Amino acid sequence: MTTSEGAVRLPAPPGEAELWAAAQRGDRAAFTALYHQHAAAVWSQAYRLTVTLPAAEDVLAATFLTAWRRRGDVRLVDGTALPWLLTVASNEARTDWRRTTRHKRLKLRVGPPPDVSDHADTVVASLDDRRRLHQVIAAIAELPTGQREAVALCLVAEVSHADAARALGISEVTLRSRIHRARTRLRTLLPEEVR
């Protein structure tokens, strides 16, 4: 496009809705642009839930793999899919936690390798923090689906109540009610030192 001064004006870059529409048609470049737009936020959510760099990277990869496979199901809220992606990341983090827990149980049955040495106090403290985090994640996993989704979006990912309600397709009043019931339930599920 040329302006009256003869300068060439490039068209504005496509918005997120246009990028998702292109990605739904199989446009990999559009999906790559969406990945670069949201990867940092999804990684942050994954790291908060898994507390390890490798696990956060795995959750990030699994989230965008799911987004590519289910690109026709993506729900935009105010023109962005970030709340949908954060929900998927939360689900992937829970899956990672279950996988890790199964692996630990198996290791307990089989026993440690013969050359395992003692751990330093800092490692023990780190493991205790991780154990507490896993207790919280396990307690959240026991919540009913509606409460679990509300907690993941509002309390873990810190999405605003208005955006989370739109992403979940419910009213803000219903969302706040679910969060209140979830907090009450979590107080009964978690030991006092973890709350």
C-alpha atoms as a PDB file:
ATOM      1  CA  MET A   1       0.000   0.000   0.000  1.00  0.00           C
ATOM      2  CA  THR A   2       1.378   3.463  -0.903  1.00  0.00           C
ATOM      3  CA  THR A   3       0.648   6.693   1.000  1.00  0.00           C
ATOM      4  CA  SER A   4       0.080  10.101  -0.644  1.00  0.00           C
ATOM      5  CA  GLU A   5       3.743  10.939   0.036  1.00  0.00           C
ATOM      6  CA  GLY A   6       4.807   7.887  -1.976  1.00  0.00           C
ATOM      7  CA  ALA A   7       6.061   5.911   1.052  1.00  0.00           C
ATOM      8  CA  VAL A   8       5.215   2.262   1.225  1.00  0.00           C
ATOM      9  CA  ARG A   9       3.110   1.331   4.257  1.00  0.00           C
ATOM     10  CA  LEU A  10       3.095  -2.290   5.329  1.00  0.00           C
ATOM     11  CA  PRO A  11      -0.182  -3.793   6.512  1.00  0.00           C
ATOM     12  CA  ALA A  12      -0.579  -4.088  10.282  1.00  0.00           C
ATOM     13  CA  PRO A  13       0.524  -7.438  11.691  1.00  0.00           C
ATOM     14  CA  PRO A  14      -2.369  -9.828  12.220  1.00  0.00           C
ATOM     15  CA  GLY A  15      -4.022  -9.942  15.624  1.00  0.00           C
ATOM     16  CA  GLU A  16      -4.143 -13.045  17.747  1.00  0.00           C
ATOM     17  CA  ALA A  17      -7.589 -14.059  16.489  1.00  0.00           C
ATOM     18  CA  GLU A  18      -6.322 -13.956  12.909  1.00  0.00           C
ATOM     19  CA  LEU A  19      -3.218 -15.945  13.879  1.00  0.00           C
ATOM     20  CA  TRP A  20      -5.363 -18.631  15.546  1.00  0.00           C
ATOM     21  CA  ALA A  21      -7.614 -18.762  12.499  1.00  0.00           C
ATOM     22  CA  ALA A  22      -4.557 -19.268  10.297  1.00  0.00           C
ATOM     23  CA  ALA A  23      -3.150 -21.882  12.682  1.00  0.00           C
ATOM     24  CA  GLN A  24      -6.466 -23.745  12.586  1.00  0.00           C
ATOM     25  CA  ARG A  25      -6.012 -23.976   8.818  1.00  0.00           C
ATOM     26  CA  GLY A  26      -2.589 -25.563   9.439  1.00  0.00           C
ATOM     27  CA  ASP A  27      -0.402 -22.454   9.099  1.00  0.00           C
ATOM     28  CA  ARG A  28       2.720 -23.387  11.097  1.00  0.00           C
ATOM     29  CA  ALA A  29       4.204 -19.891  10.860  1.00  0.00           C
ATOM     30  CA  ALA A  30       1.100 -18.418  12.509  1.00  0.00           C
ATOM     31  CA  PHE A  31       1.295 -21.025  15.265  1.00  0.00           C
ATOM     32  CA  THR A  32       5.006 -20.254  15.752  1.00  0.00           C
ATOM     33  CA  ALA A  33       4.139 -16.560  16.154  1.00  0.00           C
ATOM     34  CA  LEU A  34       1.530 -17.507  18.786  1.00  0.00           C
ATOM     35  CA  TYR A  35       4.092 -19.668  20.568  1.00  0.00           C
ATOM     36  CA  HIS A  36       6.556 -16.763  20.762  1.00  0.00           C
ATOM     37  CA  GLN A  37       3.765 -14.483  21.981  1.00  0.00           C
ATOM     38  CA  HIS A  38       2.715 -16.721  24.913  1.00  0.00           C
ATOM     39  CA  ALA A  39       5.665 -19.030  25.710  1.00  0.00           C
ATOM     40  CA  ALA A  40       7.036 -16.885  28.557  1.00  0.00           C
ATOM     41  CA  ALA A  41       3.702 -16.698  30.397  1.00  0.00           C
ATOM     42  CA  VAL A  42       3.038 -20.420  29.958  1.00  0.00           C
ATOM     43  CA  TRP A  43       6.564 -21.285  31.109  1.00  0.00           C
ATOM     44  CA  SER A  44       6.133 -19.099  34.221  1.00  0.00           C
ATOM     45  CA  GLN A  45       2.884 -20.903  35.074  1.00  0.00           C
ATOM     46  CA  ALA A  46       4.572 -24.271  34.511  1.00  0.00           C
ATOM     47  CA  TYR A  47       7.528 -23.358  36.703  1.00  0.00           C
ATOM     48  CA  ARG A  48       5.286 -22.147  39.537  1.00  0.00           C
ATOM     49  CA  LEU A  49       3.499 -25.505  39.468  1.00  0.00           C
ATOM     50  CA  THR A  50       6.475 -27.854  38.964  1.00  0.00           C
ATOM     51  CA  VAL A  51       9.313 -25.930  40.657  1.00  0.00           C
ATOM     52  CA  THR A  52      11.989 -27.447  38.412  1.00  0.00           C
ATOM     53  CA  LEU A  53      13.395 -26.143  35.158  1.00  0.00           C
ATOM     54  CA  PRO A  54      13.244 -29.473  33.284  1.00  0.00           C
ATOM     55  CA  ALA A  55       9.652 -30.131  34.370  1.00  0.00           C
ATOM     56  CA  ALA A  56       8.613 -26.579  33.424  1.00  0.00           C
ATOM     57  CA  GLU A  57      10.173 -27.052  29.970  1.00  0.00           C
ATOM     58  CA  ASP A  58       8.306 -30.365  29.583  1.00  0.00           C
ATOM     59  CA  VAL A  59       5.006 -28.740  30.575  1.00  0.00           C
ATOM     60  CA  LEU A  60       5.630 -25.849  28.161  1.00  0.00           C
ATOM     61  CA  ALA A  61       6.275 -28.278  25.288  1.00  0.00           C
ATOM     62  CA  ALA A  62       3.262 -30.443  26.173  1.00  0.00           C
ATOM     63  CA  THR A  63       1.008 -27.374  26.421  1.00  0.00           C
ATOM     64  CA  PHE A  64       1.833 -26.155  22.934  1.00  0.00           C
ATOM     65  CA  LEU A  65       1.688 -29.668  21.514  1.00  0.00           C
ATOM     66  CA  THR A  66      -1.840 -29.908  22.935  1.00  0.00           C
ATOM     67  CA  ALA A  67      -2.625 -26.436  21.560  1.00  0.00           C
ATOM     68  CA  TRP A  68      -1.509 -27.532  18.080  1.00  0.00           C
ATOM     69  CA  ARG A  69      -3.443 -30.786  18.226  1.00  0.00           C
ATOM     70  CA  ARG A  70      -6.578 -29.097  19.620  1.00  0.00           C
ATOM     71  CA  ARG A  71      -6.223 -25.755  17.836  1.00  0.00           C
ATOM     72  CA  GLY A  72      -9.856 -25.985  16.721  1.00  0.00           C
ATOM     73  CA  ASP A  73     -10.963 -26.061  20.396  1.00  0.00           C
ATOM     74  CA  VAL A  74      -8.996 -23.000  21.545  1.00  0.00           C
ATOM     75  CA  ARG A  75     -11.208 -20.423  23.298  1.00  0.00           C
ATOM     76  CA  LEU A  76     -10.204 -16.784  22.991  1.00  0.00           C
ATOM     77  CA  VAL A  77     -11.054 -14.408  25.833  1.00  0.00           C
ATOM     78  CA  ASP A  78     -10.879 -10.732  24.829  1.00  0.00           C
ATOM     79  CA  GLY A  79      -8.980 -11.787  21.729  1.00  0.00           C
ATOM     80  CA  THR A  80      -6.356 -13.898  23.530  1.00  0.00           C
ATOM     81  CA  ALA A  81      -5.966 -17.607  24.193  1.00  0.00           C
ATOM     82  CA  LEU A  82      -3.691 -17.105  27.199  1.00  0.00           C
ATOM     83  CA  PRO A  83      -6.293 -18.216  29.805  1.00  0.00           C
ATOM     84  CA  TRP A  84      -6.950 -21.369  27.736  1.00  0.00           C
ATOM     85  CA  LEU A  85      -3.208 -22.049  27.444  1.00  0.00           C
ATOM     86  CA  LEU A  86      -2.693 -21.540  31.189  1.00  0.00           C
ATOM     87  CA  THR A  87      -5.481 -24.021  31.925  1.00  0.00           C
ATOM     88  CA  VAL A  88      -3.834 -26.571  29.632  1.00  0.00           C
ATOM     89  CA  ALA A  89      -0.466 -25.904  31.330  1.00  0.00           C
ATOM     90  CA  SER A  90      -2.050 -26.518  34.745  1.00  0.00           C
ATOM     91  CA  ASN A  91      -3.476 -29.822  33.519  1.00  0.00           C
ATOM     92  CA  GLU A  92      -0.099 -30.814  32.053  1.00  0.00           C
ATOM     93  CA  ALA A  93       1.629 -29.932  35.359  1.00  0.00           C
ATOM     94  CA  ARG A  94      -0.795 -32.211  37.231  1.00  0.00           C
ATOM     95  CA  THR A  95      -0.052 -34.984  34.736  1.00  0.00           C
ATOM     96  CA  ASP A  96       3.681 -34.430  35.289  1.00  0.00           C
ATOM     97  CA  TRP A  97       3.179 -34.536  39.059  1.00  0.00           C
ATOM     98  CA  ARG A  98       1.248 -37.841  38.822  1.00  0.00           C
ATOM     99  CA  ARG A  99       3.989 -39.302  36.607  1.00  0.00           C
ATOM    100  CA  THR A 100       6.689 -38.197  39.068  1.00  0.00           C
ATOM    101  CA  THR A 101       4.745 -39.606  42.006  1.00  0.00           C
ATOM    102  CA  ARG A 102       4.354 -42.985  40.280  1.00  0.00           C
ATOM    103  CA  HIS A 103       8.073 -42.987  39.512  1.00  0.00           C
ATOM    104  CA  LYS A 104       8.932 -42.239  43.161  1.00  0.00           C
ATOM    105  CA  ARG A 105       6.652 -45.052  44.372  1.00  0.00           C
ATOM    106  CA  LEU A 106       8.368 -47.428  41.983  1.00  0.00           C
ATOM    107  CA  LYS A 107      11.792 -46.326  43.226  1.00  0.00           C
ATOM    108  CA  LEU A 108      10.662 -46.972  46.800  1.00  0.00           C
ATOM    109  CA  ARG A 109       9.596 -50.506  45.878  1.00  0.00           C
ATOM    110  CA  VAL A 110      12.797 -51.242  43.984  1.00  0.00           C
ATOM    111  CA  GLY A 111      15.083 -49.459  46.434  1.00  0.00           C
ATOM    112  CA  PRO A 112      17.867 -46.953  45.931  1.00  0.00           C
ATOM    113  CA  PRO A 113      20.833 -47.720  43.717  1.00  0.00           C
ATOM    114  CA  PRO A 114      23.723 -49.229  45.705  1.00  0.00           C
ATOM    115  CA  ASP A 115      26.029 -46.195  45.380  1.00  0.00           C
ATOM    116  CA  VAL A 116      23.631 -43.476  46.668  1.00  0.00           C
ATOM    117  CA  SER A 117      25.343 -41.046  49.029  1.00  0.00           C
ATOM    118  CA  ASP A 118      23.856 -38.826  51.749  1.00  0.00           C
ATOM    119  CA  HIS A 119      22.377 -35.460  50.742  1.00  0.00           C
ATOM    120  CA  ALA A 120      23.353 -32.070  52.116  1.00  0.00           C
ATOM    121  CA  ASP A 121      21.028 -30.060  54.368  1.00  0.00           C
ATOM    122  CA  THR A 122      20.186 -27.663  51.538  1.00  0.00           C
ATOM    123  CA  VAL A 123      18.981 -30.529  49.386  1.00  0.00           C
ATOM    124  CA  VAL A 124      16.809 -31.804  52.255  1.00  0.00           C
ATOM    125  CA  ALA A 125      15.299 -28.344  52.686  1.00  0.00           C
ATOM    126  CA  SER A 126      14.640 -28.139  48.960  1.00  0.00           C
ATOM    127  CA  LEU A 127      12.974 -31.539  48.983  1.00  0.00           C
ATOM    128  CA  ASP A 128      10.813 -30.490  51.927  1.00  0.00           C
ATOM    129  CA  ASP A 129       9.667 -27.390  50.001  1.00  0.00           C
ATOM    130  CA  ARG A 130       8.909 -29.560  46.980  1.00  0.00           C
ATOM    131  CA  ARG A 131       7.010 -32.050  49.181  1.00  0.00           C
ATOM    132  CA  ARG A 132       4.851 -29.208  50.502  1.00  0.00           C
ATOM    133  CA  LEU A 133       4.213 -27.957  46.978  1.00  0.00           C
ATOM    134  CA  HIS A 134       3.214 -31.451  45.887  1.00  0.00           C
ATOM    135  CA  GLN A 135       0.829 -31.663  48.851  1.00  0.00           C
ATOM    136  CA  VAL A 136      -0.827 -28.449  47.665  1.00  0.00           C
ATOM    137  CA  ILE A 137      -0.992 -29.693  44.054  1.00  0.00           C
ATOM    138  CA  ALA A 138      -2.433 -33.023  45.235  1.00  0.00           C
ATOM    139  CA  ALA A 139      -5.045 -31.205  47.323  1.00  0.00           C
ATOM    140  CA  ILE A 140      -5.990 -29.007  44.356  1.00  0.00           C
ATOM    141  CA  ALA A 141      -6.283 -32.137  42.204  1.00  0.00           C
ATOM    142  CA  GLU A 142      -8.903 -33.484  44.645  1.00  0.00           C
ATOM    143  CA  LEU A 143     -11.165 -30.465  44.142  1.00  0.00           C
ATOM    144  CA  PRO A 144     -14.167 -30.760  41.824  1.00  0.00           C
ATOM    145  CA  THR A 145     -13.349 -29.719  38.251  1.00  0.00           C
ATOM    146  CA  GLY A 146     -15.003 -26.284  38.438  1.00  0.00           C
ATOM    147  CA  GLN A 147     -13.226 -25.353  41.655  1.00  0.00           C
ATOM    148  CA  ARG A 148      -9.903 -26.754  40.393  1.00  0.00           C
ATOM    149  CA  GLU A 149     -10.084 -24.683  37.184  1.00  0.00           C
ATOM    150  CA  ALA A 150     -10.980 -21.524  39.140  1.00  0.00           C
ATOM    151  CA  VAL A 151      -8.062 -22.057  41.547  1.00  0.00           C
ATOM    152  CA  ALA A 152      -5.612 -22.783  38.707  1.00  0.00           C
ATOM    153  CA  LEU A 153      -6.533 -19.619  36.831  1.00  0.00           C
ATOM    154  CA  CYS A 154      -7.088 -17.139  39.670  1.00  0.00           C
ATOM    155  CA  LEU A 155      -4.881 -18.289  42.552  1.00  0.00           C
ATOM    156  CA  VAL A 156      -2.029 -19.997  40.709  1.00  0.00           C
ATOM    157  CA  ALA A 157      -1.811 -18.145  37.378  1.00  0.00           C
ATOM    158  CA  GLU A 158      -3.146 -14.874  38.829  1.00  0.00           C
ATOM    159  CA  VAL A 159      -5.584 -14.309  35.950  1.00  0.00           C
ATOM    160  CA  SER A 160      -8.168 -11.636  36.807  1.00  0.00           C
ATOM    161  CA  HIS A 161     -11.574 -12.865  37.946  1.00  0.00           C
ATOM    162  CA  ALA A 162     -13.246 -11.263  34.936  1.00  0.00           C
ATOM    163  CA  ASP A 163     -10.917 -12.971  32.433  1.00  0.00           C
ATOM    164  CA  ALA A 164     -11.073 -16.312  34.234  1.00  0.00           C
ATOM    165  CA  ALA A 165     -14.888 -16.208  34.327  1.00  0.00           C
ATOM    166  CA  ARG A 166     -15.016 -15.530  30.589  1.00  0.00           C
ATOM    167  CA  ALA A 167     -12.487 -18.300  29.883  1.00  0.00           C
ATOM    168  CA  LEU A 168     -14.558 -20.777  31.886  1.00  0.00           C
ATOM    169  CA  GLY A 169     -17.882 -19.539  30.486  1.00  0.00           C
ATOM    170  CA  ILE A 170     -19.341 -18.646  33.910  1.00  0.00           C
ATOM    171  CA  SER A 171     -20.294 -15.473  35.782  1.00  0.00           C
ATOM    172  CA  GLU A 172     -17.841 -13.728  38.114  1.00  0.00           C
ATOM    173  CA  VAL A 173     -20.172 -14.445  41.032  1.00  0.00           C
ATOM    174  CA  THR A 174     -20.039 -18.170  40.255  1.00  0.00           C
ATOM    175  CA  LEU A 175     -16.253 -17.979  39.900  1.00  0.00           C
ATOM    176  CA  ARG A 176     -15.848 -16.234  43.275  1.00  0.00           C
ATOM    177  CA  SER A 177     -18.141 -18.802  44.873  1.00  0.00           C
ATOM    178  CA  ARG A 178     -16.035 -21.655  43.458  1.00  0.00           C
ATOM    179  CA  ILE A 179     -12.839 -20.058  44.757  1.00  0.00           C
ATOM    180  CA  HIS A 180     -14.366 -19.582  48.217  1.00  0.00           C
ATOM    181  CA  ARG A 181     -15.545 -23.221  48.345  1.00  0.00           C
ATOM    182  CA  ALA A 182     -12.144 -24.381  47.075  1.00  0.00           C
ATOM    183  CA  ARG A 183     -10.275 -22.450  49.786  1.00  0.00           C
ATOM    184  CA  THR A 184     -12.560 -23.894  52.454  1.00  0.00           C
ATOM    185  CA  ARG A 185     -12.000 -27.417  51.120  1.00  0.00           C
ATOM    186  CA  LEU A 186      -8.224 -26.931  50.849  1.00  0.00           C
ATOM    187  CA  ARG A 187      -8.067 -25.943  54.543  1.00  0.00           C
ATOM    188  CA  THR A 188      -9.483 -29.368  55.398  1.00  0.00           C
ATOM    189  CA  LEU A 189      -7.225 -31.236  52.944  1.00  0.00           C
ATOM    190  CA  LEU A 190      -3.892 -29.619  53.837  1.00  0.00           C
ATOM    191  CA  PRO A 191      -1.927 -30.032  57.059  1.00  0.00           C
ATOM    192  CA  GLU A 192      -1.634 -26.827  59.076  1.00  0.00           C
ATOM    193  CA  GLU A 193       2.115 -26.355  58.378  1.00  0.00           C
ATOM    194  CA  VAL A 194       1.461 -26.310  54.609  1.00  0.00           C
ATOM    195  CA  ARG A 195      -1.407 -23.783  54.612  1.00  0.00           C
END
